[in-house]
Amino acid sequence: MSKVTNVPRIRFKGFTNAWEQKEINEIFEVTRGKVLSEKLIVKKKNKEMKYPVYSSQTKNNGLMGYYNKFLFDTAITWTTDGANAGTVSYRQGKFYSTNVNGVLLSSKGYCNLAIACSLNKIAWKYVSKVGNPKLMNNVMKKIKIIIPINLTEQRKLSLVLQEINDLLALQERKLKLYKQLKKYLLQKMFANEQEKVPQIRFKRFDEDWRNLIFKSLCTRITKLSNEDNLFKVEYENIKNNTVGNIKKNVEAKTGILFDKNDILYGKLRPYLRKIVKSDFKGIAVGDFWVLRPKKNSSTFIFYLIQNNKYQRAANISTGTKMPRADWDLISNMNFKVPSLDEQHDIGQFISLIDNIKKEQYVSTEKTKVIKQYLLQNLFC
């Protein structure tokens, strides 16, 4: 039984018919995948093992690997059990699905990205939260969705969504590559204990790097202040990358007075640790080290702190409830350091890559916002 309902806020020209409400059971054959041992799956596709295998996970779009047989050809799947229960995906082409995926089949063309996105918006509401979360076939059959019955409109919606998905995938790949590039540079442009010079170096430099203890490179600032006319930077600001958006006089708190080009280092447990180089004067409120370079490049020291050797040392923490990096340990460690000119060039180069990475992150996040807007407004 279907009934005439509303239309979405955004719609392609030329389509005027009202969308209709349908039960899943009306438009799909509802089935599920089959058990498949991981031992039979390969990670990389080849001529024989060419069919993708999808599981209930959401990482990597649920792709487990590849198999030499397929169960379905173009369908919509959903996770039936576990933390991701109710997650709906469109699967184009021939594929194998494991038993923790439900599968929707249609001979009339309803298996497309638009219908999958429409269903994904509401399927989570029907997941049983008692014990292990579940969305079983009998429940899925009764879910009602509002869709365009015109297949041409469905195809146009699918095309728009596929284009935004392709753009987002491209941006995320670029972001991943920039992250990998920065990590590579942090490893190769800094000399380790066994090296006199780093593996990657600008041609105009040929001097050996010097061995210096960390506290000779920078001073740890401890001067306290609660001035009302300065910016207050709290740990959440650098954790959430909102240092540029903070306001003056948010609260009269006492903290460590820092200056422009000082380095604010959140010294908590490794997975909370954050670093930022300040471009203004302010007060650091909370668990910070404020580091001020001594006749060294602030940008070089900023990236030295992100280098593997420093990070390994910082992970040797003090405290149990909230582990913190140990200043006595780190301040007396030896680090290889070049001339000031070479420091400047290294800092500027990695900073350039870092800024490109940040711009790519912003572009990726904007695309996610656009995608979310479309999902909210292209469907009822």
Protein backbone atom coordinates (compact mmCIF):
# COMPACT_ATOMS: atom_id res chain seq x y z
CA MET A 1 0.00 0.00 0.00
CA SER A 2 1.45 3.39 -1.03
CA LYS A 3 0.22 6.90 -0.49
CA VAL A 4 0.94 10.30 -2.01
CA THR A 5 3.19 12.44 0.20
CA ASN A 6 5.40 15.52 0.01
CA VAL A 7 8.33 16.41 -2.22
CA PRO A 8 11.86 17.44 -1.11
CA ARG A 9 13.03 21.04 -0.71
CA ILE A 10 15.48 20.75 -3.62
CA ARG A 11 14.32 19.10 -6.83
CA PHE A 12 15.35 18.85 -10.46
CA LYS A 13 13.34 20.83 -13.00
CA GLY A 14 10.84 18.88 -15.01
CA PHE A 15 9.69 16.59 -12.19
CA THR A 16 6.35 17.49 -10.64
CA ASN A 17 4.84 14.26 -9.36
CA ALA A 18 4.60 13.88 -5.61
CA TRP A 19 6.92 11.34 -4.03
CA GLU A 20 5.37 8.19 -2.64
CA GLN A 21 5.74 6.30 0.60
CA LYS A 22 6.66 2.65 0.13
CA GLU A 23 7.40 -0.25 2.43
CA ILE A 24 10.75 -1.86 1.69
CA ASN A 25 8.94 -5.14 1.15
CA GLU A 26 6.92 -3.57 -1.68
CA ILE A 27 9.88 -2.66 -3.87
CA PHE A 28 12.66 -5.04 -2.83
CA GLU A 29 13.40 -8.69 -2.37
CA VAL A 30 14.90 -8.87 1.13
CA THR A 31 17.65 -11.43 1.75
CA ARG A 32 21.11 -11.55 3.33
CA GLY A 33 24.69 -12.60 2.65
CA LYS A 34 26.45 -15.85 3.51
CA VAL A 35 29.23 -16.93 5.85
CA LEU A 36 32.69 -16.75 4.28
CA SER A 37 35.95 -17.65 6.01
CA GLU A 38 38.57 -14.89 6.01
CA LYS A 39 41.13 -17.53 4.99
CA LEU A 40 39.48 -17.71 1.57
CA ILE A 41 39.76 -13.95 0.95
CA VAL A 42 42.74 -12.07 -0.50
CA LYS A 43 43.52 -8.46 0.29
CA LYS A 44 44.44 -7.43 -3.24
CA LYS A 45 42.32 -7.93 -6.34
CA ASN A 46 43.66 -10.20 -9.10
CA LYS A 47 42.33 -11.90 -12.25
CA GLU A 48 40.85 -14.82 -10.34
CA MET A 49 39.98 -13.16 -7.01
CA LYS A 50 38.18 -10.19 -8.51
CA TYR A 51 34.88 -9.87 -6.66
CA PRO A 52 34.77 -7.52 -3.64
CA VAL A 53 33.67 -9.00 -0.32
CA TYR A 54 31.72 -6.68 1.99
CA SER A 55 31.26 -7.19 5.72
CA SER A 56 29.43 -5.32 8.46
CA GLN A 57 32.30 -2.94 9.16
CA THR A 58 32.16 0.66 7.94
CA LYS A 59 35.94 1.19 7.65
CA ASN A 60 37.03 1.21 4.00
CA ASN A 61 33.34 1.11 2.99
CA GLY A 62 33.05 -2.39 4.46
CA LEU A 63 35.50 -3.94 2.00
CA MET A 64 37.19 -7.03 3.50
CA GLY A 65 39.02 -8.20 0.38
CA TYR A 66 38.34 -10.19 -2.76
CA TYR A 67 36.97 -13.65 -3.62
CA ASN A 68 36.54 -15.75 -6.77
CA LYS A 69 32.74 -15.98 -6.52
CA PHE A 70 29.93 -13.47 -6.20
CA LEU A 71 26.45 -13.67 -4.68
CA PHE A 72 24.79 -10.50 -5.98
CA ASP A 73 24.96 -8.05 -8.88
CA THR A 74 24.16 -4.44 -7.90
CA ALA A 75 22.22 -4.24 -4.64
CA ILE A 76 21.72 -2.30 -1.44
CA THR A 77 23.18 -3.78 1.74
CA TRP A 78 22.77 -2.99 5.40
CA THR A 79 24.58 -4.11 8.56
CA THR A 80 22.30 -6.42 10.54
CA ASP A 81 24.29 -6.87 13.77
CA GLY A 82 26.72 -5.01 16.02
CA ALA A 83 27.77 -1.43 16.59
CA ASN A 84 27.17 -0.45 12.94
CA ALA A 85 23.72 -2.06 12.69
CA GLY A 86 21.46 -0.08 10.37
CA THR A 87 24.26 1.31 8.18
CA VAL A 88 23.06 1.19 4.56
CA SER A 89 25.35 1.06 1.50
CA TYR A 90 24.92 0.94 -2.25
CA ARG A 91 26.92 -1.84 -3.95
CA GLN A 92 27.37 -1.47 -7.69
CA GLY A 93 28.41 -4.48 -9.76
CA LYS A 94 29.05 -8.08 -8.75
CA PHE A 95 30.05 -8.71 -5.13
CA TYR A 96 29.99 -11.17 -2.23
CA SER A 97 28.35 -10.19 1.05
CA THR A 98 28.96 -11.83 4.43
CA ASN A 99 26.12 -13.08 6.60
CA VAL A 100 26.06 -9.96 8.84
CA ASN A 101 24.77 -7.93 5.92
CA GLY A 102 21.17 -7.82 4.83
CA VAL A 103 20.68 -7.39 1.08
CA LEU A 104 17.97 -5.65 -0.94
CA LEU A 105 17.45 -6.74 -4.55
CA SER A 106 15.30 -5.22 -7.28
CA SER A 107 14.70 -6.14 -10.91
CA LYS A 108 13.03 -2.77 -11.57
CA GLY A 109 16.04 -0.48 -10.95
CA TYR A 110 15.40 0.54 -7.34
CA CYS A 111 18.89 -0.58 -6.30
CA ASN A 112 20.64 2.75 -6.74
CA LEU A 113 22.58 5.27 -4.66
CA ALA A 114 19.61 7.63 -4.20
CA ILE A 115 17.40 4.96 -2.61
CA ALA A 116 20.32 3.71 -0.49
CA CYS A 117 20.93 7.25 0.85
CA SER A 118 17.24 7.78 1.54
CA LEU A 119 17.06 4.52 3.49
CA ASN A 120 20.30 5.23 5.34
CA LYS A 121 18.74 8.41 6.76
CA ILE A 122 16.11 6.48 8.71
CA ALA A 123 17.24 2.86 9.07
CA TRP A 124 19.10 3.57 12.33
CA LYS A 125 15.77 4.42 14.00
CA TYR A 126 14.67 0.79 13.65
CA VAL A 127 17.76 -0.79 15.20
CA SER A 128 16.98 -2.79 18.35
CA LYS A 129 19.25 -1.62 21.17
CA VAL A 130 18.47 -4.53 23.48
CA GLY A 131 21.72 -6.44 23.98
CA ASN A 132 23.65 -6.63 20.71
CA PRO A 133 22.20 -3.98 18.34
CA LYS A 134 20.25 -5.59 15.50
CA LEU A 135 18.25 -4.67 12.44
CA MET A 136 16.90 -7.95 11.13
CA ASN A 137 15.19 -8.73 7.82
CA ASN A 138 11.67 -8.85 9.22
CA VAL A 139 12.06 -5.32 10.62
CA MET A 140 13.70 -3.98 7.47
CA LYS A 141 10.79 -5.23 5.37
CA LYS A 142 8.35 -2.99 7.26
CA ILE A 143 10.40 0.24 7.08
CA LYS A 144 8.66 2.94 5.04
CA ILE A 145 10.60 5.38 2.89
CA ILE A 146 9.44 8.29 0.76
CA ILE A 147 10.92 8.10 -2.74
CA PRO A 148 10.40 9.33 -6.30
CA ILE A 149 8.73 6.58 -8.31
CA ASN A 150 10.13 8.04 -11.54
CA LEU A 151 13.37 6.10 -12.21
CA THR A 152 14.82 8.98 -14.23
CA GLU A 153 14.59 11.22 -11.16
CA GLN A 154 16.20 8.49 -9.07
CA ARG A 155 19.06 8.25 -11.59
CA LYS A 156 19.62 12.03 -11.54
CA LEU A 157 19.71 12.04 -7.75
CA SER A 158 22.13 9.12 -7.79
CA LEU A 159 24.40 10.91 -10.25
CA VAL A 160 24.63 14.04 -8.09
CA LEU A 161 25.34 11.98 -4.98
CA GLN A 162 27.95 9.89 -6.79
CA GLU A 163 29.74 13.02 -7.99
CA ILE A 164 29.91 14.46 -4.47
CA ASN A 165 31.08 11.07 -3.16
CA ASP A 166 33.80 10.90 -5.84
CA LEU A 167 34.94 14.44 -5.01
CA LEU A 168 35.05 13.67 -1.31
CA ALA A 169 36.99 10.45 -1.91
CA LEU A 170 39.53 12.35 -4.03
CA GLN A 171 39.92 15.04 -1.37
CA GLU A 172 40.35 12.47 1.38
CA ARG A 173 43.03 10.67 -0.65
CA LYS A 174 44.87 13.96 -1.15
CA LEU A 175 44.63 14.75 2.55
CA LYS A 176 46.01 11.31 3.41
CA LEU A 177 48.92 11.82 0.99
CA TYR A 178 49.78 15.23 2.49
CA LYS A 179 49.73 13.70 5.98
CA GLN A 180 52.05 10.92 4.78
CA LEU A 181 54.33 13.45 3.09
CA LYS A 182 54.63 15.52 6.25
CA LYS A 183 55.36 12.39 8.31
CA TYR A 184 58.02 11.37 5.77
CA LEU A 185 59.68 14.80 5.88
CA LEU A 186 59.71 14.79 9.69
CA GLN A 187 61.62 11.48 9.49
CA LYS A 188 64.02 12.31 6.67
CA MET A 189 64.81 16.03 7.16
CA PHE A 190 66.00 15.58 10.77
CA ALA A 191 69.22 13.73 11.57
CA ASN A 192 68.94 10.82 13.99
CA GLU A 193 71.48 9.64 16.59
CA GLN A 194 73.55 7.64 14.07
CA GLU A 195 73.65 10.35 11.38
CA LYS A 196 75.83 13.42 10.99
CA VAL A 197 73.32 14.93 8.57
CA PRO A 198 69.73 14.04 7.57
CA GLN A 199 68.86 11.88 4.56
CA ILE A 200 67.10 14.75 2.76
CA ARG A 201 68.87 18.10 2.72
CA PHE A 202 68.99 21.35 0.75
CA LYS A 203 72.02 21.43 -1.59
CA ARG A 204 73.54 24.64 -0.28
CA PHE A 205 74.28 23.11 3.13
CA ASP A 206 77.18 20.71 3.78
CA GLU A 207 78.12 21.17 7.46
CA ASP A 208 77.61 18.38 9.99
CA TRP A 209 74.74 18.87 12.42
CA ARG A 210 75.62 19.59 16.06
CA ASN A 211 74.61 17.51 19.07
CA LEU A 212 72.80 19.73 21.60
CA ILE A 213 70.58 19.07 24.61
CA PHE A 214 67.00 20.23 24.24
CA LYS A 215 67.07 22.86 27.01
CA SER A 216 69.91 24.60 25.17
CA LEU A 217 67.61 25.02 22.18
CA CYS A 218 64.68 26.60 23.97
CA THR A 219 63.56 27.94 27.34
CA ARG A 220 60.54 26.66 29.20
CA ILE A 221 58.50 29.74 30.20
CA THR A 222 56.75 29.59 33.58
CA LYS A 223 55.79 33.23 34.24
CA LEU A 224 52.15 33.46 35.37
CA SER A 225 49.64 36.16 34.51
CA ASN A 226 45.89 36.85 34.59
CA GLU A 227 45.84 40.03 32.53
CA ASP A 228 42.37 40.85 31.21
CA ASN A 229 43.50 42.35 27.92
CA LEU A 230 45.16 39.20 26.57
CA PHE A 231 43.83 36.15 24.75
CA LYS A 232 43.26 33.12 26.94
CA VAL A 233 44.21 29.81 25.28
CA GLU A 234 42.88 26.69 26.97
CA TYR A 235 43.68 23.09 26.16
CA GLU A 236 40.40 22.65 24.25
CA ASN A 237 41.43 25.45 21.89
CA ILE A 238 44.44 23.61 20.54
CA LYS A 239 42.79 20.20 20.82
CA ASN A 240 39.98 21.40 18.53
CA ASN A 241 42.23 23.64 16.41
CA THR A 242 40.34 26.80 17.37
CA VAL A 243 43.29 28.92 18.51
CA GLY A 244 42.56 31.50 15.82
CA ASN A 245 38.95 31.90 17.00
CA ILE A 246 39.46 32.54 20.72
CA LYS A 247 38.24 35.74 22.38
CA LYS A 248 39.75 38.11 24.88
CA ASN A 249 38.44 38.33 28.44
CA VAL A 250 36.60 35.02 28.26
CA GLU A 251 37.35 34.44 31.91
CA ALA A 252 39.77 35.84 34.48
CA LYS A 253 42.07 32.81 34.78
CA THR A 254 45.71 32.64 35.72
CA GLY A 255 48.00 30.94 33.22
CA ILE A 256 51.44 31.02 31.62
CA LEU A 257 52.23 34.21 29.74
CA PHE A 258 53.36 33.48 26.18
CA ASP A 259 54.53 35.66 23.30
CA LYS A 260 54.37 35.53 19.53
CA ASN A 261 56.36 32.56 18.08
CA ASP A 262 56.36 30.74 21.41
CA ILE A 263 55.38 27.08 21.16
CA LEU A 264 52.42 25.86 23.22
CA TYR A 265 52.80 22.19 23.96
CA GLY A 266 49.90 20.30 25.54
CA LYS A 267 51.83 17.84 27.71
CA LEU A 268 49.07 15.36 28.52
CA ARG A 269 48.98 11.68 27.54
CA PRO A 270 50.09 11.02 23.93
CA TYR A 271 46.68 10.73 22.27
CA LEU A 272 45.65 14.10 23.75
CA ARG A 273 48.94 15.88 23.10
CA LYS A 274 48.76 18.90 20.81
CA ILE A 275 51.28 21.49 19.63
CA VAL A 276 50.80 24.96 18.21
CA LYS A 277 53.14 27.85 17.36
CA SER A 278 51.57 31.08 18.51
CA ASP A 279 51.16 34.10 16.23
CA PHE A 280 49.97 36.40 19.05
CA LYS A 281 50.60 37.19 22.71
CA GLY A 282 48.37 35.54 25.29
CA ILE A 283 47.94 33.35 28.37
CA ALA A 284 48.06 29.53 28.27
CA VAL A 285 45.55 28.17 30.77
CA GLY A 286 45.94 24.49 31.71
CA ASP A 287 48.47 21.70 31.16
CA PHE A 288 50.95 23.42 28.85
CA TRP A 289 54.63 23.78 28.39
CA VAL A 290 55.39 27.15 26.85
CA LEU A 291 58.68 26.85 24.94
CA ARG A 292 60.67 29.85 23.66
CA PRO A 293 63.53 29.11 21.22
CA LYS A 294 67.01 30.41 22.13
CA LYS A 295 68.52 31.91 18.98
CA ASN A 296 66.95 29.07 17.02
CA SER A 297 64.20 29.02 14.43
CA SER A 298 60.84 28.77 16.17
CA THR A 299 59.40 26.92 13.17
CA PHE A 300 62.28 24.42 13.16
CA ILE A 301 61.82 23.72 16.89
CA PHE A 302 58.07 23.40 16.29
CA TYR A 303 58.68 20.56 13.81
CA LEU A 304 61.54 19.06 15.80
CA ILE A 305 59.00 18.48 18.59
CA GLN A 306 56.87 16.53 16.10
CA ASN A 307 59.86 14.37 15.09
CA ASN A 308 59.86 10.68 16.07
CA LYS A 309 62.73 10.93 18.58
CA TYR A 310 61.08 13.71 20.55
CA GLN A 311 57.68 12.02 20.47
CA ARG A 312 59.10 8.72 21.72
CA ALA A 313 60.69 10.56 24.63
CA ALA A 314 57.49 12.48 25.37
CA ASN A 315 55.60 9.20 25.58
CA ILE A 316 57.71 8.20 28.58
CA SER A 317 55.27 9.98 30.87
CA THR A 318 54.99 10.73 34.55
CA GLY A 319 51.75 10.41 36.52
CA THR A 320 49.12 7.68 36.48
CA LYS A 321 45.65 9.25 36.41
CA MET A 322 46.63 11.78 33.71
CA PRO A 323 50.12 10.95 32.36
CA ARG A 324 52.24 13.95 31.39
CA ALA A 325 55.47 14.30 29.43
CA ASP A 326 58.55 14.45 31.70
CA TRP A 327 60.40 17.76 31.32
CA ASP A 328 63.49 16.61 33.24
CA LEU A 329 63.88 13.74 30.79
CA ILE A 330 63.20 15.66 27.59
CA SER A 331 65.12 18.82 28.50
CA ASN A 332 68.36 16.84 28.92
CA MET A 333 68.05 14.75 25.74
CA ASN A 334 70.46 15.27 22.84
CA PHE A 335 69.14 16.35 19.44
CA LYS A 336 71.00 16.93 16.18
CA VAL A 337 70.65 20.56 15.09
CA PRO A 338 71.89 22.43 11.96
CA SER A 339 72.87 26.07 11.45
CA LEU A 340 70.24 28.77 11.86
CA ASP A 341 69.97 29.23 8.09
CA GLU A 342 69.33 25.54 7.54
CA GLN A 343 66.85 25.50 10.42
CA HIS A 344 64.99 28.33 8.72
CA ASP A 345 64.83 26.53 5.35
CA ILE A 346 63.68 23.24 6.89
CA GLY A 347 61.01 24.98 8.97
CA GLN A 348 59.72 27.00 6.03
CA PHE A 349 59.57 23.98 3.72
CA ILE A 350 57.69 21.70 6.11
CA SER A 351 55.46 24.64 7.08
CA LEU A 352 54.53 25.02 3.39
CA ILE A 353 53.49 21.36 3.22
CA ASP A 354 51.66 21.73 6.53
CA ASN A 355 49.68 24.71 5.24
CA ILE A 356 48.72 22.85 2.05
CA LYS A 357 47.58 19.94 4.23
CA LYS A 358 45.48 22.29 6.36
CA GLU A 359 43.90 23.86 3.27
CA GLN A 360 43.08 20.38 1.97
CA TYR A 361 41.52 19.51 5.32
CA VAL A 362 39.33 22.63 5.15
CA SER A 363 38.24 21.79 1.58
CA THR A 364 37.41 18.24 2.62
CA GLU A 365 35.34 19.41 5.57
CA LYS A 366 33.44 21.88 3.35
CA THR A 367 32.60 19.07 0.93
CA LYS A 368 31.28 17.01 3.85
CA VAL A 369 29.02 19.92 4.82
CA ILE A 370 27.75 20.20 1.24
CA LYS A 371 27.09 16.46 1.13
CA GLN A 372 25.18 16.60 4.41
CA TYR A 373 23.13 19.54 3.12
CA LEU A 374 22.22 17.62 -0.03
CA LEU A 375 21.23 14.54 1.94
CA GLN A 376 18.96 16.68 4.09
CA ASN A 377 17.33 18.56 1.23
CA LEU A 378 17.25 16.19 -1.74
CA PHE A 379 15.04 13.73 0.15
CA CYS A 380 11.78 13.97 2.04
